[in-house]
Amino acid sequence: MRRRVGGTMRNKEESAMTRAVNAVFDFVRFAEFEILFFLFFFIAFLLFKDLTSRPEYNQILVKKPEGGGFWPN
């Protein structure tokens, strides 16, 4: 990984927008695992929510084809 060391003179020459973009990229590099972990569960939640919102798939999860209850007799 590349680190900036002693870049005080260079930072003064950069614009505020460049420093802000660099700060965002530094944060993303620092928190990469947490961001990917959150995105994995968020995408899985959206897919599961989409599947269970359709009536034909929802019926599979709710009742048996024979009309029996949830517990076997």
Protein backbone atom coordinates (compact mmCIF):
# COMPACT_ATOMS: atom_id res chain seq x y z
CA MET A 1 0.00 0.00 0.00
CA ARG A 2 1.17 3.47 -0.79
CA ARG A 3 1.24 6.01 2.00
CA ARG A 4 1.74 9.72 1.85
CA VAL A 5 4.44 10.85 4.21
CA GLY A 6 5.18 14.47 4.93
CA GLY A 7 2.96 15.83 2.19
CA THR A 8 2.23 19.16 3.88
CA MET A 9 3.58 21.31 1.04
CA ARG A 10 1.86 19.18 -1.58
CA ASN A 11 -1.45 19.29 0.31
CA LYS A 12 -1.41 23.08 0.27
CA GLU A 13 -0.96 23.07 -3.49
CA GLU A 14 -3.89 20.68 -4.06
CA SER A 15 -7.40 22.03 -4.34
CA ALA A 16 -10.05 21.30 -1.72
CA MET A 17 -11.87 19.04 -4.18
CA THR A 18 -8.73 16.94 -4.76
CA ARG A 19 -8.14 16.60 -1.01
CA ALA A 20 -11.80 15.60 -0.49
CA VAL A 21 -11.65 12.96 -3.24
CA ASN A 22 -8.37 11.62 -1.84
CA ALA A 23 -9.92 11.43 1.63
CA VAL A 24 -12.88 9.44 0.27
CA PHE A 25 -10.55 7.01 -1.53
CA ASP A 26 -8.44 6.64 1.63
CA PHE A 27 -11.58 5.83 3.63
CA VAL A 28 -12.78 3.27 1.07
CA ARG A 29 -9.35 1.62 1.08
CA PHE A 30 -9.40 1.54 4.88
CA ALA A 31 -12.97 0.17 5.24
CA GLU A 32 -13.05 -2.09 2.19
CA PHE A 33 -13.95 -5.30 4.06
CA GLU A 34 -16.78 -3.69 6.04
CA ILE A 35 -18.24 -2.12 2.89
CA LEU A 36 -18.18 -5.45 1.02
CA PHE A 37 -19.64 -7.27 4.05
CA PHE A 38 -22.55 -4.81 4.21
CA LEU A 39 -23.14 -4.96 0.45
CA PHE A 40 -23.25 -8.78 0.51
CA PHE A 41 -26.00 -8.86 3.13
CA PHE A 42 -27.88 -5.95 1.57
CA ILE A 43 -27.96 -7.63 -1.86
CA ALA A 44 -28.95 -10.97 -0.30
CA PHE A 45 -31.78 -9.20 1.57
CA LEU A 46 -33.04 -7.55 -1.62
CA LEU A 47 -33.01 -10.85 -3.52
CA PHE A 48 -34.80 -12.73 -0.74
CA LYS A 49 -37.34 -9.92 -0.35
CA ASP A 50 -38.01 -9.97 -4.09
CA LEU A 51 -38.49 -13.74 -4.15
CA THR A 52 -40.84 -13.80 -1.17
CA SER A 53 -42.93 -10.89 -2.46
CA ARG A 54 -44.15 -12.91 -5.46
CA PRO A 55 -47.38 -14.78 -4.63
CA GLU A 56 -46.40 -18.06 -6.32
CA TYR A 57 -43.14 -18.28 -4.34
CA ASN A 58 -44.76 -17.08 -1.14
CA GLN A 59 -47.27 -19.94 -1.27
CA ILE A 60 -44.41 -22.45 -1.46
CA LEU A 61 -43.06 -21.11 1.83
CA VAL A 62 -46.47 -20.93 3.55
CA LYS A 63 -48.49 -24.08 2.78
CA LYS A 64 -48.02 -27.61 1.47
CA PRO A 65 -49.44 -28.66 -1.92
CA GLU A 66 -51.67 -31.28 -0.25
CA GLY A 67 -53.27 -28.65 1.94
CA GLY A 68 -51.72 -30.04 5.14
CA GLY A 69 -50.46 -27.94 8.00
CA PHE A 70 -46.92 -26.98 8.77
CA TRP A 71 -46.21 -29.91 11.13
CA PRO A 72 -46.40 -33.52 9.89
CA ASN A 73 -49.08 -35.73 11.50
